N, C-alpha and C. Protein backbone atom coordinates (compact mmCIF):
# COMPACT_ATOMS: atom_id res chain seq x y z
N UNK A 1 125.09 90.44 102.75
CA UNK A 1 124.28 91.28 101.92
C UNK A 1 122.86 90.69 101.90
N UNK A 2 121.88 91.57 102.05
CA UNK A 2 120.48 91.17 102.07
C UNK A 2 119.71 92.07 101.12
N UNK A 3 118.58 91.57 100.64
CA UNK A 3 117.76 92.39 99.76
C UNK A 3 116.29 92.29 100.14
N UNK A 4 115.52 93.26 99.68
CA UNK A 4 114.08 93.25 99.87
C UNK A 4 113.45 93.19 98.48
N UNK A 5 112.45 92.31 98.33
CA UNK A 5 111.86 92.10 97.01
C UNK A 5 110.35 92.29 97.04
N UNK A 6 109.81 92.48 95.85
CA UNK A 6 108.37 92.54 95.67
C UNK A 6 108.09 92.00 94.27
N UNK A 7 107.23 91.00 94.19
CA UNK A 7 106.91 90.36 92.90
C UNK A 7 108.17 89.91 92.17
N UNK A 8 109.10 89.30 92.91
CA UNK A 8 110.36 88.77 92.38
C UNK A 8 111.29 89.84 91.80
N UNK A 9 111.10 91.11 92.18
CA UNK A 9 112.00 92.18 91.77
C UNK A 9 112.69 92.76 92.99
N UNK A 10 113.99 92.98 92.89
CA UNK A 10 114.76 93.55 93.99
C UNK A 10 114.48 95.05 94.06
N UNK A 11 114.05 95.50 95.25
CA UNK A 11 113.76 96.91 95.47
C UNK A 11 114.90 97.62 96.19
N UNK A 12 115.60 96.89 97.06
CA UNK A 12 116.68 97.48 97.83
C UNK A 12 117.64 96.43 98.33
N UNK A 13 118.86 96.87 98.60
CA UNK A 13 119.93 95.98 99.07
C UNK A 13 120.63 96.67 100.23
N UNK A 14 120.96 95.88 101.26
CA UNK A 14 121.76 96.38 102.38
C UNK A 14 122.97 95.48 102.55
N UNK A 15 124.12 96.08 102.77
CA UNK A 15 125.37 95.36 103.00
C UNK A 15 125.82 95.66 104.41
N UNK A 16 125.97 94.63 105.22
CA UNK A 16 126.36 94.81 106.61
C UNK A 16 127.81 94.42 106.82
N UNK A 17 128.51 95.23 107.61
CA UNK A 17 129.89 94.94 108.01
C UNK A 17 129.93 94.93 109.52
N UNK A 18 129.88 93.74 110.10
CA UNK A 18 129.77 93.54 111.54
C UNK A 18 128.52 94.25 112.05
N UNK A 19 128.64 95.29 112.86
CA UNK A 19 127.48 95.99 113.41
C UNK A 19 127.15 97.28 112.66
N UNK A 20 127.74 97.49 111.50
CA UNK A 20 127.55 98.73 110.76
C UNK A 20 127.02 98.46 109.35
N UNK A 21 126.33 99.45 108.83
CA UNK A 21 125.84 99.35 107.45
C UNK A 21 126.97 99.77 106.52
N UNK A 22 127.37 98.86 105.64
CA UNK A 22 128.41 99.16 104.67
C UNK A 22 127.85 99.83 103.43
N UNK A 23 126.59 99.57 103.14
CA UNK A 23 125.95 100.18 101.98
C UNK A 23 124.46 99.92 102.01
N UNK A 24 123.70 100.85 101.52
CA UNK A 24 122.25 100.73 101.43
C UNK A 24 121.83 101.34 100.11
N UNK A 25 121.23 100.53 99.26
CA UNK A 25 120.84 100.97 97.94
C UNK A 25 119.37 100.66 97.71
N UNK A 26 118.63 101.64 97.18
CA UNK A 26 117.22 101.47 96.87
C UNK A 26 117.03 101.83 95.40
N UNK A 27 116.26 101.01 94.70
CA UNK A 27 115.97 101.26 93.29
C UNK A 27 115.38 102.66 93.11
N UNK A 28 115.82 103.37 92.09
CA UNK A 28 115.51 104.79 91.90
C UNK A 28 114.02 105.11 92.05
N UNK A 29 113.15 104.36 91.41
CA UNK A 29 111.73 104.69 91.45
C UNK A 29 111.05 104.28 92.75
N UNK A 30 111.80 103.76 93.72
CA UNK A 30 111.25 103.40 95.03
C UNK A 30 111.82 104.29 96.15
N UNK A 31 112.61 105.29 95.81
CA UNK A 31 113.14 106.23 96.79
C UNK A 31 111.98 107.05 97.36
N UNK A 32 112.04 107.35 98.66
CA UNK A 32 111.00 108.11 99.39
C UNK A 32 109.70 107.34 99.55
N UNK A 33 109.77 106.00 99.52
CA UNK A 33 108.58 105.18 99.72
C UNK A 33 108.73 104.25 100.92
N UNK A 34 109.76 104.49 101.74
CA UNK A 34 109.94 103.72 102.97
C UNK A 34 110.70 102.41 102.82
N UNK A 35 111.24 102.13 101.65
CA UNK A 35 111.96 100.87 101.42
C UNK A 35 113.24 100.84 102.27
N UNK A 36 113.97 101.94 102.33
CA UNK A 36 115.20 102.00 103.14
C UNK A 36 114.92 101.74 104.61
N UNK A 37 113.90 102.37 105.15
CA UNK A 37 113.53 102.14 106.55
C UNK A 37 113.11 100.70 106.78
N UNK A 38 112.36 100.16 105.84
CA UNK A 38 111.88 98.79 105.98
C UNK A 38 113.04 97.80 106.00
N UNK A 39 113.99 97.96 105.11
CA UNK A 39 115.11 97.02 105.05
C UNK A 39 116.01 97.17 106.27
N UNK A 40 116.17 98.38 106.80
CA UNK A 40 116.97 98.58 108.02
C UNK A 40 116.28 97.92 109.21
N UNK A 41 114.99 98.06 109.31
CA UNK A 41 114.25 97.47 110.44
C UNK A 41 114.21 95.95 110.39
N UNK A 42 114.30 95.37 109.22
CA UNK A 42 114.30 93.91 109.11
C UNK A 42 115.63 93.35 109.61
N UNK A 43 116.75 94.00 109.25
CA UNK A 43 118.05 93.47 109.59
C UNK A 43 118.71 94.29 110.65
């Protein structure tokens, strides 16, 4: 499990199961701001 942060606040979390995404969660007020794409591209 990995997370993306800004100013010590968690904005999104991704859970990986081998080569697949098991879960991807983005904080409600950050939806549609590219956080999901950013976390997928990092991992």
